[in-house]
PDB file of N, CA and C in Angstrom:
ATOM      1  N   MET A   1     -10.499  20.055 -10.376  1.00  0.00           N
ATOM      2  CA  MET A   1      -9.966  18.720 -10.523  1.00  0.00           C
ATOM      3  C   MET A   1      -9.854  18.405 -12.020  1.00  0.00           C
ATOM      4  N   SER A   2      -8.693  18.021 -12.435  1.00  0.00           N
ATOM      5  CA  SER A   2      -8.478  17.716 -13.848  1.00  0.00           C
ATOM      6  C   SER A   2      -8.657  16.215 -14.106  1.00  0.00           C
ATOM      7  N   ASN A   3      -8.650  15.850 -15.387  1.00  0.00           N
ATOM      8  CA  ASN A   3      -8.802  14.438 -15.757  1.00  0.00           C
ATOM      9  C   ASN A   3      -7.474  13.713 -15.867  1.00  0.00           C
ATOM     10  N   ARG A   4      -6.373  14.430 -15.702  1.00  0.00           N
ATOM     11  CA  ARG A   4      -5.035  13.841 -15.786  1.00  0.00           C
ATOM     12  C   ARG A   4      -4.164  14.370 -14.650  1.00  0.00           C
ATOM     13  N   VAL A   5      -3.253  13.509 -14.221  1.00  0.00           N
ATOM     14  CA  VAL A   5      -2.266  13.919 -13.223  1.00  0.00           C
ATOM     15  C   VAL A   5      -1.002  13.093 -13.451  1.00  0.00           C
ATOM     16  N   GLU A   6       0.119  13.763 -13.593  1.00  0.00           N
ATOM     17  CA  GLU A   6       1.434  13.125 -13.778  1.00  0.00           C
ATOM     18  C   GLU A   6       1.429  12.049 -14.863  1.00  0.00           C
ATOM     19  N   GLY A   7       0.720  12.296 -15.963  1.00  0.00           N
ATOM     20  CA  GLY A   7       0.703  11.353 -17.076  1.00  0.00           C
ATOM     21  C   GLY A   7      -0.312  10.234 -16.939  1.00  0.00           C
ATOM     22  N   PHE A   8      -1.048  10.195 -15.843  1.00  0.00           N
ATOM     23  CA  PHE A   8      -2.078   9.187 -15.623  1.00  0.00           C
ATOM     24  C   PHE A   8      -3.446   9.791 -15.929  1.00  0.00           C
ATOM     25  N   PHE A   9      -4.320   9.004 -16.567  1.00  0.00           N
ATOM     26  CA  PHE A   9      -5.677   9.414 -16.858  1.00  0.00           C
ATOM     27  C   PHE A   9      -6.571   8.973 -15.706  1.00  0.00           C
ATOM     28  N   LYS A  10      -7.494   9.820 -15.272  1.00  0.00           N
ATOM     29  CA  LYS A  10      -8.417   9.475 -14.194  1.00  0.00           C
ATOM     30  C   LYS A  10      -9.729   8.978 -14.786  1.00  0.00           C
ATOM     31  N   SER A  11     -10.157   7.798 -14.375  1.00  0.00           N
ATOM     32  CA  SER A  11     -11.467   7.302 -14.803  1.00  0.00           C
ATOM     33  C   SER A  11     -12.547   8.140 -14.110  1.00  0.00           C
ATOM     34  N   GLU A  12     -13.757   8.072 -14.632  1.00  0.00           N
ATOM     35  CA  GLU A  12     -14.869   8.813 -14.032  1.00  0.00           C
ATOM     36  C   GLU A  12     -15.103   8.344 -12.597  1.00  0.00           C
ATOM     37  N   HIS A  13     -15.014   7.044 -12.373  1.00  0.00           N
ATOM     38  CA  HIS A  13     -15.168   6.481 -11.030  1.00  0.00           C
ATOM     39  C   HIS A  13     -14.097   7.021 -10.089  1.00  0.00           C
ATOM     40  N   PHE A  14     -12.861   7.095 -10.582  1.00  0.00           N
ATOM     41  CA  PHE A  14     -11.771   7.612  -9.755  1.00  0.00           C
ATOM     42  C   PHE A  14     -12.036   9.063  -9.360  1.00  0.00           C
ATOM     43  N   CYS A  15     -12.469   9.888 -10.316  1.00  0.00           N
ATOM     44  CA  CYS A  15     -12.745  11.302 -10.022  1.00  0.00           C
ATOM     45  C   CYS A  15     -13.782  11.440  -8.919  1.00  0.00           C
ATOM     46  N   TYR A  16     -14.830  10.618  -8.985  1.00  0.00           N
ATOM     47  CA  TYR A  16     -15.850  10.663  -7.937  1.00  0.00           C
ATOM     48  C   TYR A  16     -15.265  10.230  -6.590  1.00  0.00           C
ATOM     49  N   ARG A  17     -14.532   9.132  -6.569  1.00  0.00           N
ATOM     50  CA  ARG A  17     -13.950   8.646  -5.316  1.00  0.00           C
ATOM     51  C   ARG A  17     -12.905   9.626  -4.763  1.00  0.00           C
ATOM     52  N   GLN A  18     -12.153  10.250  -5.649  1.00  0.00           N
ATOM     53  CA  GLN A  18     -11.164  11.235  -5.217  1.00  0.00           C
ATOM     54  C   GLN A  18     -11.861  12.389  -4.506  1.00  0.00           C
ATOM     55  N   TRP A  19     -12.944  12.861  -5.086  1.00  0.00           N
ATOM     56  CA  TRP A  19     -13.697  13.956  -4.475  1.00  0.00           C
ATOM     57  C   TRP A  19     -14.322  13.497  -3.159  1.00  0.00           C
ATOM     58  N   ASP A  20     -14.937  12.316  -3.159  1.00  0.00           N
ATOM     59  CA  ASP A  20     -15.612  11.773  -1.989  1.00  0.00           C
ATOM     60  C   ASP A  20     -14.651  11.566  -0.821  1.00  0.00           C
ATOM     61  N   ARG A  21     -13.430  11.156  -1.105  1.00  0.00           N
ATOM     62  CA  ARG A  21     -12.447  10.861  -0.058  1.00  0.00           C
ATOM     63  C   ARG A  21     -11.469  12.009   0.184  1.00  0.00           C
ATOM     64  N   GLN A  22     -11.711  13.121  -0.468  1.00  0.00           N
ATOM     65  CA  GLN A  22     -10.932  14.353  -0.277  1.00  0.00           C
ATOM     66  C   GLN A  22      -9.435  14.138  -0.508  1.00  0.00           C
ATOM     67  N   VAL A  23      -9.113  13.531  -1.649  1.00  0.00           N
ATOM     68  CA  VAL A  23      -7.721  13.334  -2.051  1.00  0.00           C
ATOM     69  C   VAL A  23      -7.409  14.412  -3.086  1.00  0.00           C
ATOM     70  N   SER A  24      -6.502  15.305  -2.748  1.00  0.00           N
ATOM     71  CA  SER A  24      -6.215  16.442  -3.628  1.00  0.00           C
ATOM     72  C   SER A  24      -5.330  16.046  -4.807  1.00  0.00           C
ATOM     73  N   ASP A  25      -5.409  16.852  -5.869  1.00  0.00           N
ATOM     74  CA  ASP A  25      -4.540  16.636  -7.027  1.00  0.00           C
ATOM     75  C   ASP A  25      -3.074  16.846  -6.651  1.00  0.00           C
ATOM     76  N   ASN A  26      -2.805  17.765  -5.709  1.00  0.00           N
ATOM     77  CA  ASN A  26      -1.423  17.996  -5.269  1.00  0.00           C
ATOM     78  C   ASN A  26      -0.838  16.751  -4.610  1.00  0.00           C
ATOM     79  N   LEU A  27      -1.640  16.103  -3.753  1.00  0.00           N
ATOM     80  CA  LEU A  27      -1.182  14.863  -3.106  1.00  0.00           C
ATOM     81  C   LEU A  27      -0.966  13.778  -4.149  1.00  0.00           C
ATOM     82  N   LEU A  28      -1.899  13.629  -5.076  1.00  0.00           N
ATOM     83  CA  LEU A  28      -1.747  12.634  -6.141  1.00  0.00           C
ATOM     84  C   LEU A  28      -0.494  12.886  -6.959  1.00  0.00           C
ATOM     85  N   SER A  29      -0.246  14.138  -7.263  1.00  0.00           N
ATOM     86  CA  SER A  29       0.934  14.493  -8.046  1.00  0.00           C
ATOM     87  C   SER A  29       2.214  14.083  -7.320  1.00  0.00           C
ATOM     88  N   GLU A  30       2.274  14.344  -6.026  1.00  0.00           N
ATOM     89  CA  GLU A  30       3.446  13.955  -5.234  1.00  0.00           C
ATOM     90  C   GLU A  30       3.624  12.439  -5.206  1.00  0.00           C
ATOM     91  N   ILE A  31       2.527  11.715  -5.071  1.00  0.00           N
ATOM     92  CA  ILE A  31       2.574  10.256  -4.990  1.00  0.00           C
ATOM     93  C   ILE A  31       2.991   9.644  -6.321  1.00  0.00           C
ATOM     94  N   LEU A  32       2.404  10.130  -7.406  1.00  0.00           N
ATOM     95  CA  LEU A  32       2.594   9.513  -8.718  1.00  0.00           C
ATOM     96  C   LEU A  32       3.838   9.995  -9.448  1.00  0.00           C
ATOM     97  N   LYS A  33       4.525  10.983  -8.898  1.00  0.00           N
ATOM     98  CA  LYS A  33       5.691  11.573  -9.563  1.00  0.00           C
ATOM     99  C   LYS A  33       6.732  10.531  -9.959  1.00  0.00           C
ATOM    100  N   GLY A  34       7.023   9.589  -9.099  1.00  0.00           N
ATOM    101  CA  GLY A  34       8.072   8.606  -9.378  1.00  0.00           C
ATOM    102  C   GLY A  34       7.555   7.262  -9.848  1.00  0.00           C
ATOM    103  N   ILE A  35       6.266   7.153 -10.128  1.00  0.00           N
ATOM    104  CA  ILE A  35       5.670   5.880 -10.524  1.00  0.00           C
ATOM    105  C   ILE A  35       5.622   5.776 -12.039  1.00  0.00           C
ATOM    106  N   GLU A  36       6.144   4.672 -12.553  1.00  0.00           N
ATOM    107  CA  GLU A  36       6.074   4.438 -13.994  1.00  0.00           C
ATOM    108  C   GLU A  36       4.944   3.462 -14.272  1.00  0.00           C
ATOM    109  N   PRO A  37       4.107   3.763 -15.263  1.00  0.00           N
ATOM    110  CA  PRO A  37       2.999   2.856 -15.589  1.00  0.00           C
ATOM    111  C   PRO A  37       3.513   1.520 -16.110  1.00  0.00           C
ATOM    112  N   ASN A  38       2.787   0.464 -15.797  1.00  0.00           N
ATOM    113  CA  ASN A  38       3.121  -0.856 -16.332  1.00  0.00           C
ATOM    114  C   ASN A  38       1.873  -1.455 -16.969  1.00  0.00           C
ATOM    115  N   ASN A  39       1.967  -2.618 -17.533  1.00  0.00           N
ATOM    116  CA  ASN A  39       0.865  -3.205 -18.296  1.00  0.00           C
ATOM    117  C   ASN A  39      -0.051  -4.092 -17.477  1.00  0.00           C
ATOM    118  N   CYS A  40      -0.040  -3.980 -16.173  1.00  0.00           N
ATOM    119  CA  CYS A  40      -0.910  -4.827 -15.369  1.00  0.00           C
ATOM    120  C   CYS A  40      -1.563  -4.000 -14.266  1.00  0.00           C
ATOM    121  N   ASN A  41      -2.588  -4.581 -13.653  1.00  0.00           N
ATOM    122  CA  ASN A  41      -3.238  -3.937 -12.515  1.00  0.00           C
ATOM    123  C   ASN A  41      -2.263  -3.884 -11.352  1.00  0.00           C
ATOM    124  N   THR A  42      -2.137  -2.726 -10.755  1.00  0.00           N
ATOM    125  CA  THR A  42      -1.267  -2.556  -9.606  1.00  0.00           C
ATOM    126  C   THR A  42      -2.013  -1.756  -8.553  1.00  0.00           C
ATOM    127  N   LEU A  43      -1.786  -2.078  -7.306  1.00  0.00           N
ATOM    128  CA  LEU A  43      -2.371  -1.344  -6.204  1.00  0.00           C
ATOM    129  C   LEU A  43      -1.257  -0.568  -5.529  1.00  0.00           C
ATOM    130  N   LEU A  44      -1.361   0.753  -5.524  1.00  0.00           N
ATOM    131  CA  LEU A  44      -0.390   1.591  -4.825  1.00  0.00           C
ATOM    132  C   LEU A  44      -0.887   1.768  -3.394  1.00  0.00           C
ATOM    133  N   ILE A  45      -0.020   1.510  -2.443  1.00  0.00           N
ATOM    134  CA  ILE A  45      -0.377   1.660  -1.034  1.00  0.00           C
ATOM    135  C   ILE A  45       0.468   2.794  -0.471  1.00  0.00           C
ATOM    136  N   VAL A  46      -0.197   3.882  -0.129  1.00  0.00           N
ATOM    137  CA  VAL A  46       0.487   5.077   0.373  1.00  0.00           C
ATOM    138  C   VAL A  46       0.452   5.023   1.894  1.00  0.00           C
ATOM    139  N   SER A  47       1.625   5.022   2.513  1.00  0.00           N
ATOM    140  CA  SER A  47       1.715   4.856   3.965  1.00  0.00           C
ATOM    141  C   SER A  47       1.179   6.068   4.715  1.00  0.00           C
ATOM    142  N   ARG A  48       0.914   5.857   5.979  1.00  0.00           N
ATOM    143  CA  ARG A  48       0.433   6.935   6.857  1.00  0.00           C
ATOM    144  C   ARG A  48       1.478   8.041   6.988  1.00  0.00           C
ATOM    145  N   ASN A  49       2.765   7.678   6.947  1.00  0.00           N
ATOM    146  CA  ASN A  49       3.824   8.685   7.042  1.00  0.00           C
ATOM    147  C   ASN A  49       3.744   9.684   5.899  1.00  0.00           C
ATOM    148  N   VAL A  50       3.507   9.190   4.700  1.00  0.00           N
ATOM    149  CA  VAL A  50       3.384  10.066   3.535  1.00  0.00           C
ATOM    150  C   VAL A  50       2.150  10.947   3.686  1.00  0.00           C
ATOM    151  N   LEU A  51       1.059  10.376   4.161  1.00  0.00           N
ATOM    152  CA  LEU A  51      -0.167  11.151   4.347  1.00  0.00           C
ATOM    153  C   LEU A  51       0.018  12.226   5.411  1.00  0.00           C
ATOM    154  N   LYS A  52       0.762  11.908   6.475  1.00  0.00           N
ATOM    155  CA  LYS A  52       1.021  12.907   7.518  1.00  0.00           C
ATOM    156  C   LYS A  52       1.822  14.080   6.970  1.00  0.00           C
ATOM    157  N   LYS A  53       2.792  13.789   6.098  1.00  0.00           N
ATOM    158  CA  LYS A  53       3.578  14.862   5.482  1.00  0.00           C
ATOM    159  C   LYS A  53       2.698  15.782   4.651  1.00  0.00           C
ATOM    160  N   ALA A  54       1.610  15.243   4.138  1.00  0.00           N
ATOM    161  CA  ALA A  54       0.676  16.024   3.317  1.00  0.00           C
ATOM    162  C   ALA A  54      -0.480  16.567   4.172  1.00  0.00           C
ATOM    163  N   ASN A  55      -0.305  16.555   5.489  1.00  0.00           N
ATOM    164  CA  ASN A  55      -1.303  17.066   6.433  1.00  0.00           C
ATOM    165  C   ASN A  55      -2.628  16.321   6.382  1.00  0.00           C
ATOM    166  N   LYS A  56      -2.587  15.046   6.110  1.00  0.00           N
ATOM    167  CA  LYS A  56      -3.773  14.183   6.149  1.00  0.00           C
ATOM    168  C   LYS A  56      -3.579  13.228   7.320  1.00  0.00           C
ATOM    169  N   ASN A  57      -4.138  13.547   8.455  1.00  0.00           N
ATOM    170  CA  ASN A  57      -3.994  12.690   9.629  1.00  0.00           C
ATOM    171  C   ASN A  57      -5.061  11.613   9.605  1.00  0.00           C
ATOM    172  N   ARG A  58      -4.689  10.461   9.097  1.00  0.00           N
ATOM    173  CA  ARG A  58      -5.589   9.306   8.996  1.00  0.00           C
ATOM    174  C   ARG A  58      -4.924   8.120   9.679  1.00  0.00           C
ATOM    175  N   ASN A  59      -5.730   7.246  10.222  1.00  0.00           N
ATOM    176  CA  ASN A  59      -5.208   6.017  10.821  1.00  0.00           C
ATOM    177  C   ASN A  59      -5.295   4.861   9.843  1.00  0.00           C
ATOM    178  N   GLU A  60      -5.308   5.196   8.561  1.00  0.00           N
ATOM    179  CA  GLU A  60      -5.398   4.195   7.510  1.00  0.00           C
ATOM    180  C   GLU A  60      -4.457   4.591   6.376  1.00  0.00           C
ATOM    181  N   GLU A  61      -4.142   3.621   5.551  1.00  0.00           N
ATOM    182  CA  GLU A  61      -3.330   3.890   4.370  1.00  0.00           C
ATOM    183  C   GLU A  61      -4.264   4.245   3.212  1.00  0.00           C
ATOM    184  N   LEU A  62      -3.714   4.945   2.234  1.00  0.00           N
ATOM    185  CA  LEU A  62      -4.461   5.275   1.020  1.00  0.00           C
ATOM    186  C   LEU A  62      -4.113   4.245  -0.042  1.00  0.00           C
ATOM    187  N   PHE A  63      -5.113   3.602  -0.613  1.00  0.00           N
ATOM    188  CA  PHE A  63      -4.938   2.610  -1.668  1.00  0.00           C
ATOM    189  C   PHE A  63      -5.404   3.232  -2.981  1.00  0.00           C
ATOM    190  N   ILE A  64      -4.576   3.120  -4.021  1.00  0.00           N
ATOM    191  CA  ILE A  64      -4.916   3.638  -5.340  1.00  0.00           C
ATOM    192  C   ILE A  64      -4.748   2.505  -6.338  1.00  0.00           C
ATOM    193  N   LYS A  65      -5.826   2.148  -7.020  1.00  0.00           N
ATOM    194  CA  LYS A  65      -5.765   1.072  -8.018  1.00  0.00           C
ATOM    195  C   LYS A  65      -5.457   1.685  -9.373  1.00  0.00           C
ATOM    196  N   VAL A  66      -4.400   1.152 -10.016  1.00  0.00           N
ATOM    197  CA  VAL A  66      -3.926   1.666 -11.301  1.00  0.00           C
ATOM    198  C   VAL A  66      -3.901   0.521 -12.304  1.00  0.00           C
ATOM    199  N   ASP A  67      -4.390   0.788 -13.499  1.00  0.00           N
ATOM    200  CA  ASP A  67      -4.325  -0.170 -14.600  1.00  0.00           C
ATOM    201  C   ASP A  67      -3.663   0.527 -15.771  1.00  0.00           C
ATOM    202  N   ASN A  68      -2.429   0.142 -16.059  1.00  0.00           N
ATOM    203  CA  ASN A  68      -1.609   0.778 -17.084  1.00  0.00           C
ATOM    204  C   ASN A  68      -1.464   2.261 -16.766  1.00  0.00           C
ATOM    205  N   LYS A  69      -2.054   3.166 -17.525  1.00  0.00           N
ATOM    206  CA  LYS A  69      -1.952   4.600 -17.243  1.00  0.00           C
ATOM    207  C   LYS A  69      -3.272   5.179 -16.761  1.00  0.00           C
ATOM    208  N   THR A  70      -4.166   4.326 -16.259  1.00  0.00           N
ATOM    209  CA  THR A  70      -5.475   4.786 -15.813  1.00  0.00           C
ATOM    210  C   THR A  70      -5.635   4.562 -14.318  1.00  0.00           C
ATOM    211  N   LEU A  71      -6.043   5.606 -13.606  1.00  0.00           N
ATOM    212  CA  LEU A  71      -6.355   5.502 -12.189  1.00  0.00           C
ATOM    213  C   LEU A  71      -7.792   5.011 -12.090  1.00  0.00           C
ATOM    214  N   ILE A  72      -7.995   3.869 -11.446  1.00  0.00           N
ATOM    215  CA  ILE A  72      -9.304   3.219 -11.410  1.00  0.00           C
ATOM    216  C   ILE A  72     -10.127   3.657 -10.199  1.00  0.00           C
ATOM    217  N   THR A  73      -9.554   3.557  -9.007  1.00  0.00           N
ATOM    218  CA  THR A  73     -10.262   3.941  -7.796  1.00  0.00           C
ATOM    219  C   THR A  73      -9.252   4.244  -6.692  1.00  0.00           C
ATOM    220  N   CYS A  74      -9.743   4.844  -5.617  1.00  0.00           N
ATOM    221  CA  CYS A  74      -8.902   5.071  -4.432  1.00  0.00           C
ATOM    222  C   CYS A  74      -9.789   4.908  -3.200  1.00  0.00           C
ATOM    223  N   PHE A  75      -9.173   4.434  -2.134  1.00  0.00           N
ATOM    224  CA  PHE A  75      -9.913   4.231  -0.885  1.00  0.00           C
ATOM    225  C   PHE A  75      -8.934   4.186   0.271  1.00  0.00           C
ATOM    226  N   TYR A  76      -9.448   4.416   1.464  1.00  0.00           N
ATOM    227  CA  TYR A  76      -8.662   4.294   2.683  1.00  0.00           C
ATOM    228  C   TYR A  76      -8.976   2.957   3.342  1.00  0.00           C
ATOM    229  N   CYS A  77      -7.945   2.308   3.844  1.00  0.00           N
ATOM    230  CA  CYS A  77      -8.110   1.010   4.500  1.00  0.00           C
ATOM    231  C   CYS A  77      -6.863   0.768   5.354  1.00  0.00           C
ATOM    232  N   GLN A  78      -7.007  -0.014   6.403  1.00  0.00           N
ATOM    233  CA  GLN A  78      -5.831  -0.386   7.183  1.00  0.00           C
ATOM    234  C   GLN A  78      -5.117  -1.517   6.468  1.00  0.00           C
ATOM    235  N   PHE A  79      -3.802  -1.425   6.414  1.00  0.00           N
ATOM    236  CA  PHE A  79      -3.005  -2.394   5.669  1.00  0.00           C
ATOM    237  C   PHE A  79      -3.216  -3.816   6.182  1.00  0.00           C
ATOM    238  N   GLN A  80      -3.260  -3.967   7.493  1.00  0.00           N
ATOM    239  CA  GLN A  80      -3.465  -5.305   8.070  1.00  0.00           C
ATOM    240  C   GLN A  80      -4.818  -5.878   7.669  1.00  0.00           C
ATOM    241  N   GLU A  81      -5.817  -5.016   7.604  1.00  0.00           N
ATOM    242  CA  GLU A  81      -7.147  -5.456   7.182  1.00  0.00           C
ATOM    243  C   GLU A  81      -7.110  -5.906   5.722  1.00  0.00           C
ATOM    244  N   TYR A  82      -6.376  -5.184   4.909  1.00  0.00           N
ATOM    245  CA  TYR A  82      -6.249  -5.549   3.502  1.00  0.00           C
ATOM    246  C   TYR A  82      -5.542  -6.902   3.353  1.00  0.00           C
ATOM    247  N   LEU A  83      -4.468  -7.105   4.122  1.00  0.00           N
ATOM    248  CA  LEU A  83      -3.724  -8.361   4.039  1.00  0.00           C
ATOM    249  C   LEU A  83      -4.557  -9.555   4.506  1.00  0.00           C
ATOM    250  N   ALA A  84      -5.532  -9.311   5.369  1.00  0.00           N
ATOM    251  CA  ALA A  84      -6.362 -10.396   5.877  1.00  0.00           C
ATOM    252  C   ALA A  84      -7.302 -10.948   4.803  1.00  0.00           C
ATOM    253  N   THR A  85      -7.559 -10.171   3.775  1.00  0.00           N
ATOM    254  CA  THR A  85      -8.417 -10.661   2.691  1.00  0.00           C
ATOM    255  C   THR A  85      -7.606 -11.619   1.826  1.00  0.00           C
ATOM    256  N   THR A  86      -8.287 -12.433   1.066  1.00  0.00           N
ATOM    257  CA  THR A  86      -7.596 -13.452   0.273  1.00  0.00           C
ATOM    258  C   THR A  86      -7.426 -13.023  -1.184  1.00  0.00           C
ATOM    259  N   ARG A  87      -7.324 -11.743  -1.439  1.00  0.00           N
ATOM    260  CA  ARG A  87      -7.146 -11.247  -2.798  1.00  0.00           C
ATOM    261  C   ARG A  87      -5.709 -11.449  -3.257  1.00  0.00           C
ATOM    262  N   VAL A  88      -5.563 -11.782  -4.504  1.00  0.00           N
ATOM    263  CA  VAL A  88      -4.239 -11.852  -5.100  1.00  0.00           C
ATOM    264  C   VAL A  88      -4.092 -10.598  -5.951  1.00  0.00           C
ATOM    265  N   GLN A  89      -3.204  -9.721  -5.542  1.00  0.00           N
ATOM    266  CA  GLN A  89      -3.048  -8.433  -6.217  1.00  0.00           C
ATOM    267  C   GLN A  89      -1.591  -8.009  -6.149  1.00  0.00           C
ATOM    268  N   LYS A  90      -1.075  -7.540  -7.239  1.00  0.00           N
ATOM    269  CA  LYS A  90       0.252  -6.956  -7.262  1.00  0.00           C
ATOM    270  C   LYS A  90       0.174  -5.581  -6.608  1.00  0.00           C
ATOM    271  N   TYR A  91       1.066  -5.292  -5.653  1.00  0.00           N
ATOM    272  CA  TYR A  91       0.998  -3.988  -5.033  1.00  0.00           C
ATOM    273  C   TYR A  91       2.384  -3.379  -4.840  1.00  0.00           C
ATOM    274  N   LEU A  92       2.385  -2.069  -4.663  1.00  0.00           N
ATOM    275  CA  LEU A  92       3.602  -1.297  -4.468  1.00  0.00           C
ATOM    276  C   LEU A  92       3.367  -0.387  -3.275  1.00  0.00           C
ATOM    277  N   ILE A  93       4.230  -0.448  -2.276  1.00  0.00           N
ATOM    278  CA  ILE A  93       4.095   0.376  -1.079  1.00  0.00           C
ATOM    279  C   ILE A  93       4.923   1.645  -1.255  1.00  0.00           C
ATOM    280  N   ILE A  94       4.273   2.779  -1.046  1.00  0.00           N
ATOM    281  CA  ILE A  94       4.957   4.079  -1.134  1.00  0.00           C
ATOM    282  C   ILE A  94       5.104   4.599   0.280  1.00  0.00           C
ATOM    283  N   ASP A  95       6.353   4.660   0.756  1.00  0.00           N
ATOM    284  CA  ASP A  95       6.620   5.050   2.127  1.00  0.00           C
ATOM    285  C   ASP A  95       7.354   6.378   2.224  1.00  0.00           C
ATOM    286  N   ASN A  96       7.767   6.924   1.112  1.00  0.00           N
ATOM    287  CA  ASN A  96       8.520   8.169   1.139  1.00  0.00           C
ATOM    288  C   ASN A  96       8.308   8.920  -0.164  1.00  0.00           C
ATOM    289  N   ILE A  97       8.068  10.235  -0.063  1.00  0.00           N
ATOM    290  CA  ILE A  97       7.969  11.052  -1.268  1.00  0.00           C
ATOM    291  C   ILE A  97       8.918  12.213  -1.183  1.00  0.00           C
TER     292      ILE A  97
END
């Protein structure tokens, strides 16, 4: 596991969570290939369809928190469950790679 992927730097916390949740660098590379960094916190939401294409059969979406060019954390959660919370967060849904 490297400290960089597709121009994004991985925080130490992200590296641990990536390992803990078994998110491969190949999957990250595919997801982040078309994403351009911006100057604010963004939550990338990777759909189940994308995960299925990568042979990850999960009943949850993959959430990746990005701040500028730094990957902060990643976790699995159901999208509806996430929407039920009262967080205000800018997000981007990735449905096709």
